[in-house]
C-alpha atoms as a PDB file:
ATOM      1  CA  MET A   1       1.821   5.156 -20.265  1.00  0.00           C
ATOM      2  CA  ASP A   2       3.425   1.417 -20.826  1.00  0.00           C
ATOM      3  CA  GLU A   3       1.895  -2.173 -19.684  1.00  0.00           C
ATOM      4  CA  LYS A   4       3.461  -2.241 -15.865  1.00  0.00           C
ATOM      5  CA  GLU A   5       2.054   1.688 -15.268  1.00  0.00           C
ATOM      6  CA  GLN A   6      -1.364   0.748 -16.315  1.00  0.00           C
ATOM      7  CA  ILE A   7      -1.651  -2.487 -14.648  1.00  0.00           C
ATOM      8  CA  LEU A   8      -0.295  -0.827 -11.045  1.00  0.00           C
ATOM      9  CA  ARG A   9      -2.954   1.632 -11.345  1.00  0.00           C
ATOM     10  CA  GLU A  10      -5.120  -0.631 -12.138  1.00  0.00           C
ATOM     11  CA  ASN A  11      -4.130  -3.144  -9.297  1.00  0.00           C
ATOM     12  CA  LEU A  12      -3.986   0.341  -7.382  1.00  0.00           C
ATOM     13  CA  GLU A  13      -7.151   1.500  -7.438  1.00  0.00           C
ATOM     14  CA  GLU A  14      -9.108  -1.682  -7.605  1.00  0.00           C
ATOM     15  CA  TYR A  15      -7.401  -2.818  -3.860  1.00  0.00           C
ATOM     16  CA  PHE A  16      -8.475   0.525  -2.232  1.00  0.00           C
ATOM     17  CA  ASP A  17     -11.896  -0.014  -3.513  1.00  0.00           C
ATOM     18  CA  LEU A  18     -12.229  -3.422  -2.056  1.00  0.00           C
ATOM     19  CA  ALA A  19     -10.421  -2.173   1.045  1.00  0.00           C
ATOM     20  CA  ASP A  20     -13.169   0.479   1.515  1.00  0.00           C
ATOM     21  CA  SER A  21     -16.176  -1.911   0.586  1.00  0.00           C
ATOM     22  CA  SER A  22     -14.423  -4.267   2.988  1.00  0.00           C
ATOM     23  CA  GLN A  23     -14.672  -1.497   6.135  1.00  0.00           C
ATOM     24  CA  LYS A  24     -17.696   0.217   5.216  1.00  0.00           C
ATOM     25  CA  ASP A  25     -19.114  -4.397   5.273  1.00  0.00           C
ATOM     26  CA  LYS A  26     -16.922  -4.045   9.174  1.00  0.00           C
ATOM     27  CA  LYS A  27     -14.595  -6.845   7.934  1.00  0.00           C
ATOM     28  CA  TYR A  28     -11.679  -4.611   8.837  1.00  0.00           C
ATOM     29  CA  ASN A  29      -8.721  -8.306   8.379  1.00  0.00           C
ATOM     30  CA  ALA A  30      -9.870  -8.146   5.233  1.00  0.00           C
ATOM     31  CA  ALA A  31     -10.345  -3.751   3.965  1.00  0.00           C
ATOM     32  CA  ALA A  32      -6.589  -3.754   6.626  1.00  0.00           C
ATOM     33  CA  THR A  33      -4.933  -6.727   4.191  1.00  0.00           C
ATOM     34  CA  LEU A  34      -5.497  -4.401   0.807  1.00  0.00           C
ATOM     35  CA  PHE A  35      -4.987  -0.975   1.987  1.00  0.00           C
ATOM     36  CA  PHE A  36      -1.599  -2.674   2.533  1.00  0.00           C
ATOM     37  CA  LYS A  37      -1.283  -4.113  -0.554  1.00  0.00           C
ATOM     38  CA  ALA A  38      -2.425  -0.119  -2.048  1.00  0.00           C
ATOM     39  CA  ILE A  39       0.404   1.004  -0.472  1.00  0.00           C
ATOM     40  CA  CYS A  40       2.613  -1.370  -1.649  1.00  0.00           C
ATOM     41  CA  ALA A  41       0.766  -1.056  -5.118  1.00  0.00           C
ATOM     42  CA  GLY A  42       1.474   2.357  -4.863  1.00  0.00           C
ATOM     43  CA  VAL A  43       5.177   2.927  -3.585  1.00  0.00           C
ATOM     44  CA  ASP A  44       5.270   0.142  -6.796  1.00  0.00           C
ATOM     45  CA  LEU A  45       4.082   2.760  -9.096  1.00  0.00           C
ATOM     46  CA  PHE A  46       6.075   4.971  -7.401  1.00  0.00           C
ATOM     47  CA  LEU A  47       9.293   3.228  -7.624  1.00  0.00           C
ATOM     48  CA  LEU A  48       8.774   2.513 -11.434  1.00  0.00           C
ATOM     49  CA  LEU A  49       8.079   6.217 -12.595  1.00  0.00           C
ATOM     50  CA  LYS A  50      10.764   7.808 -10.206  1.00  0.00           C
ATOM     51  CA  GLU A  51      12.932   4.686 -10.210  1.00  0.00           C
ATOM     52  CA  GLY A  52      11.892   2.659 -14.236  1.00  0.00           C
ATOM     53  CA  SER A  53      11.844  -0.464 -12.287  1.00  0.00           C
ATOM     54  CA  VAL A  54       9.573  -2.403  -9.623  1.00  0.00           C
ATOM     55  CA  PRO A  55      11.981  -4.146  -7.467  1.00  0.00           C
ATOM     56  CA  SER A  56      10.790  -7.783  -7.317  1.00  0.00           C
ATOM     57  CA  SER A  57      10.075  -8.062  -3.124  1.00  0.00           C
ATOM     58  CA  HIS A  58       8.737  -6.566   0.032  1.00  0.00           C
ATOM     59  CA  THR A  59      12.596  -6.307   0.981  1.00  0.00           C
ATOM     60  CA  ASN A  60      14.249  -4.726  -2.258  1.00  0.00           C
ATOM     61  CA  ARG A  61      10.972  -2.068  -1.041  1.00  0.00           C
ATOM     62  CA  PHE A  62      12.040  -1.546   1.308  1.00  0.00           C
ATOM     63  CA  ARG A  63      15.658  -1.191   0.735  1.00  0.00           C
ATOM     64  CA  ILE A  64      15.332   1.374  -1.887  1.00  0.00           C
ATOM     65  CA  VAL A  65      12.837   3.281  -0.703  1.00  0.00           C
ATOM     66  CA  GLN A  66      14.710   3.389   3.199  1.00  0.00           C
ATOM     67  CA  GLU A  67      17.476   5.008   0.982  1.00  0.00           C
ATOM     68  CA  LYS A  68      16.288   7.742  -0.882  1.00  0.00           C
ATOM     69  CA  TYR A  69      12.870   7.654   0.117  1.00  0.00           C
ATOM     70  CA  PRO A  70      12.336   8.481   3.779  1.00  0.00           C
ATOM     71  CA  VAL A  71       8.851   9.621   3.364  1.00  0.00           C
ATOM     72  CA  ILE A  72       7.379   6.736   1.999  1.00  0.00           C
ATOM     73  CA  TYR A  73       9.246   4.428   3.533  1.00  0.00           C
ATOM     74  CA  GLU A  74       8.308   5.961   7.475  1.00  0.00           C
ATOM     75  CA  ILE A  75       4.742   4.590   6.387  1.00  0.00           C
ATOM     76  CA  LEU A  76       5.796   1.234   4.534  1.00  0.00           C
ATOM     77  CA  ASP A  77       7.665   0.729   8.305  1.00  0.00           C
ATOM     78  CA  LYS A  78       4.861   1.775   9.996  1.00  0.00           C
ATOM     79  CA  ASP A  79       1.568  -0.261   8.281  1.00  0.00           C
ATOM     80  CA  PHE A  80       3.986  -3.237   7.804  1.00  0.00           C
ATOM     81  CA  SER A  81       3.285  -4.692  11.750  1.00  0.00           C
ATOM     82  CA  PHE A  82      -0.308  -4.003  11.121  1.00  0.00           C
ATOM     83  CA  TYR A  83      -0.667  -5.953   7.593  1.00  0.00           C
ATOM     84  CA  GLN A  84       1.177  -9.052   9.151  1.00  0.00           C
ATOM     85  CA  ASP A  85      -1.157  -8.715  12.018  1.00  0.00           C
ATOM     86  CA  SER A  86      -4.080  -9.027  10.082  1.00  0.00           C
ATOM     87  CA  TYR A  87      -3.090 -12.791   9.461  1.00  0.00           C
ATOM     88  CA  THR A  88      -3.478 -14.217  13.213  1.00  0.00           C
ATOM     89  CA  LYS A  89      -4.811 -10.718  15.516  1.00  0.00           C
ATOM     90  CA  LYS A  90      -8.149  -8.991  14.861  1.00  0.00           C
ATOM     91  CA  MET A  91      -7.701  -5.682  13.164  1.00  0.00           C
ATOM     92  CA  ASN A  92     -10.179  -2.436  14.698  1.00  0.00           C
ATOM     93  CA  LEU A  93     -10.697   0.837  12.200  1.00  0.00           C
ATOM     94  CA  GLU A  94      -8.652   2.716  14.055  1.00  0.00           C
ATOM     95  CA  ILE A  95      -5.839   0.858  12.610  1.00  0.00           C
ATOM     96  CA  VAL A  96      -7.796   0.553   9.234  1.00  0.00           C
ATOM     97  CA  GLU A  97      -8.276   3.808   9.277  1.00  0.00           C
ATOM     98  CA  VAL A  98      -4.736   4.241  10.055  1.00  0.00           C
ATOM     99  CA  LEU A  99      -4.280   2.253   6.625  1.00  0.00           C
ATOM    100  CA  LYS A 100      -6.388   3.696   4.749  1.00  0.00           C
ATOM    101  CA  GLU A 101      -5.215   7.133   5.219  1.00  0.00           C
ATOM    102  CA  ASP A 102      -1.511   6.337   4.731  1.00  0.00           C
ATOM    103  CA  ALA A 103      -2.876   4.394   0.947  1.00  0.00           C
ATOM    104  CA  GLN A 104      -4.542   8.014   0.096  1.00  0.00           C
ATOM    105  CA  ARG A 105      -1.116  10.043   1.149  1.00  0.00           C
ATOM    106  CA  ILE A 106       0.718   7.225  -2.054  1.00  0.00           C
ATOM    107  CA  LYS A 107      -2.170   7.656  -4.674  1.00  0.00           C
ATOM    108  CA  GLU A 108      -1.709  10.895  -3.933  1.00  0.00           C
ATOM    109  CA  MET A 109       2.059  11.263  -4.898  1.00  0.00           C
ATOM    110  CA  VAL A 110       1.803   9.367  -8.370  1.00  0.00           C
ATOM    111  CA  LYS A 111      -1.754  11.349  -9.621  1.00  0.00           C
END
């Protein structure tokens, strides 16, 4: 395993674990943000494993998965609005549960 892969795996787990803790503490905005970061770290890891590189931005990440990995694109496309909303709106348990489930799906894809 190379260094980039190791870092992405560690980041994925760290974001997921911190999001889980935030959810348990009913800090839903933090949980939403961290679950989305876990999703992005997982997608970047997936792309590293499949494509040999990591996208340099959200835009590049979206473009690559839209073109080649529609299942992952559906997750990102749906969840990105929750992430954006987490800056200006109050998140709730239902939204956090959706993000958590999607983060878990991405984790399964990179095992």
